[in-house]
Amino acid sequence: MDITKEYSNGEVSVIWKPKLCEHAGICVKMLPNVYNPKEKPWIKAENATTAELKNQIAQCPSGALSYR
């Protein structure tokens, strides 16, 4: 069973599929206030604007991150 997690900033939901994640670290480098693998939850979508989130998600090489 594939695990999917969602994190919302109130406007957009970031969808993370851990099985697809290649741990390239682009998300952490682009938005360190949102993505922090040392914290739980590790994605805090409320720490970025919808535009910032969409721009960063478009850079995810594995497709593990998406939004709706």
C-alpha atoms as a PDB file:
ATOM      1  CA  MET A   1       0.000   0.000   0.000  1.00  0.00           C
ATOM      2  CA  ASP A   2       1.414   3.363  -1.041  1.00  0.00           C
ATOM      3  CA  ILE A   3       1.488   6.017   1.644  1.00  0.00           C
ATOM      4  CA  THR A   4       0.439   9.546   0.705  1.00  0.00           C
ATOM      5  CA  LYS A   5       0.578  12.470   3.120  1.00  0.00           C
ATOM      6  CA  GLU A   6      -0.945  15.916   2.722  1.00  0.00           C
ATOM      7  CA  TYR A   7       0.030  19.219   4.296  1.00  0.00           C
ATOM      8  CA  SER A   8      -1.990  22.402   3.713  1.00  0.00           C
ATOM      9  CA  ASN A   9      -1.280  26.126   3.948  1.00  0.00           C
ATOM     10  CA  GLY A  10      -5.010  26.868   3.770  1.00  0.00           C
ATOM     11  CA  GLU A  11      -4.992  27.469   0.001  1.00  0.00           C
ATOM     12  CA  VAL A  12      -3.084  24.542  -1.442  1.00  0.00           C
ATOM     13  CA  SER A  13      -2.262  21.056  -0.188  1.00  0.00           C
ATOM     14  CA  VAL A  14       1.233  19.674  -0.658  1.00  0.00           C
ATOM     15  CA  ILE A  15       1.031  15.960  -1.399  1.00  0.00           C
ATOM     16  CA  TRP A  16       4.059  13.820  -0.531  1.00  0.00           C
ATOM     17  CA  LYS A  17       4.537  10.242  -1.686  1.00  0.00           C
ATOM     18  CA  PRO A  18       7.472   8.912   0.369  1.00  0.00           C
ATOM     19  CA  LYS A  19       7.937   5.818  -1.811  1.00  0.00           C
ATOM     20  CA  LEU A  20       8.808   8.029  -4.811  1.00  0.00           C
ATOM     21  CA  CYS A  21      11.172  10.340  -2.904  1.00  0.00           C
ATOM     22  CA  GLU A  22      14.805  10.232  -4.091  1.00  0.00           C
ATOM     23  CA  HIS A  23      16.004  12.506  -1.249  1.00  0.00           C
ATOM     24  CA  ALA A  24      17.607  14.915  -3.713  1.00  0.00           C
ATOM     25  CA  GLY A  25      17.157  17.686  -1.128  1.00  0.00           C
ATOM     26  CA  ILE A  26      15.950  20.314  -3.591  1.00  0.00           C
ATOM     27  CA  CYS A  27      12.869  20.954  -1.455  1.00  0.00           C
ATOM     28  CA  VAL A  28      14.968  21.580   1.660  1.00  0.00           C
ATOM     29  CA  LYS A  29      17.402  23.833  -0.214  1.00  0.00           C
ATOM     30  CA  MET A  30      14.662  25.908  -1.845  1.00  0.00           C
ATOM     31  CA  LEU A  31      12.303  26.259   1.138  1.00  0.00           C
ATOM     32  CA  PRO A  32      14.091  25.363   4.386  1.00  0.00           C
ATOM     33  CA  ASN A  33      11.312  26.996   6.443  1.00  0.00           C
ATOM     34  CA  VAL A  34       8.834  24.514   4.939  1.00  0.00           C
ATOM     35  CA  TYR A  35      10.838  21.293   4.595  1.00  0.00           C
ATOM     36  CA  ASN A  36      12.793  20.079   7.620  1.00  0.00           C
ATOM     37  CA  PRO A  37      13.416  16.312   7.704  1.00  0.00           C
ATOM     38  CA  LYS A  38      14.509  16.520  11.357  1.00  0.00           C
ATOM     39  CA  GLU A  39      11.069  17.693  12.518  1.00  0.00           C
ATOM     40  CA  LYS A  40       7.638  16.089  12.613  1.00  0.00           C
ATOM     41  CA  PRO A  41       5.694  16.906  10.627  1.00  0.00           C
ATOM     42  CA  TRP A  42       8.592  17.523   8.282  1.00  0.00           C
ATOM     43  CA  ILE A  43       6.513  19.648   5.885  1.00  0.00           C
ATOM     44  CA  LYS A  44       5.064  22.905   7.213  1.00  0.00           C
ATOM     45  CA  ALA A  45       3.209  24.258   4.184  1.00  0.00           C
ATOM     46  CA  GLU A  46       1.935  27.234   6.166  1.00  0.00           C
ATOM     47  CA  ASN A  47       5.474  28.662   6.141  1.00  0.00           C
ATOM     48  CA  ALA A  48       5.321  29.567   2.428  1.00  0.00           C
ATOM     49  CA  THR A  49       2.996  31.211  -0.039  1.00  0.00           C
ATOM     50  CA  THR A  50       1.045  29.134  -2.520  1.00  0.00           C
ATOM     51  CA  ALA A  51       3.213  30.485  -5.359  1.00  0.00           C
ATOM     52  CA  GLU A  52       6.426  29.547  -3.530  1.00  0.00           C
ATOM     53  CA  LEU A  53       5.140  26.028  -2.883  1.00  0.00           C
ATOM     54  CA  LYS A  54       4.023  25.490  -6.485  1.00  0.00           C
ATOM     55  CA  ASN A  55       7.363  26.760  -7.810  1.00  0.00           C
ATOM     56  CA  GLN A  56       9.341  24.463  -5.523  1.00  0.00           C
ATOM     57  CA  ILE A  57       7.149  21.413  -6.198  1.00  0.00           C
ATOM     58  CA  ALA A  58       7.729  21.886  -9.931  1.00  0.00           C
ATOM     59  CA  GLN A  59      11.463  21.376  -9.246  1.00  0.00           C
ATOM     60  CA  CYS A  60      11.026  17.981  -7.519  1.00  0.00           C
ATOM     61  CA  PRO A  61      12.956  15.499  -9.719  1.00  0.00           C
ATOM     62  CA  SER A  62      11.209  12.338  -8.508  1.00  0.00           C
ATOM     63  CA  GLY A  63       7.599  13.477  -8.592  1.00  0.00           C
ATOM     64  CA  ALA A  64       7.241  12.658  -4.900  1.00  0.00           C
ATOM     65  CA  LEU A  65       5.810  16.131  -4.300  1.00  0.00           C
ATOM     66  CA  SER A  66       2.664  17.424  -5.953  1.00  0.00           C
ATOM     67  CA  TYR A  67      -0.180  19.741  -4.977  1.00  0.00           C
ATOM     68  CA  ARG A  68      -3.914  20.285  -5.282  1.00  0.00           C
END
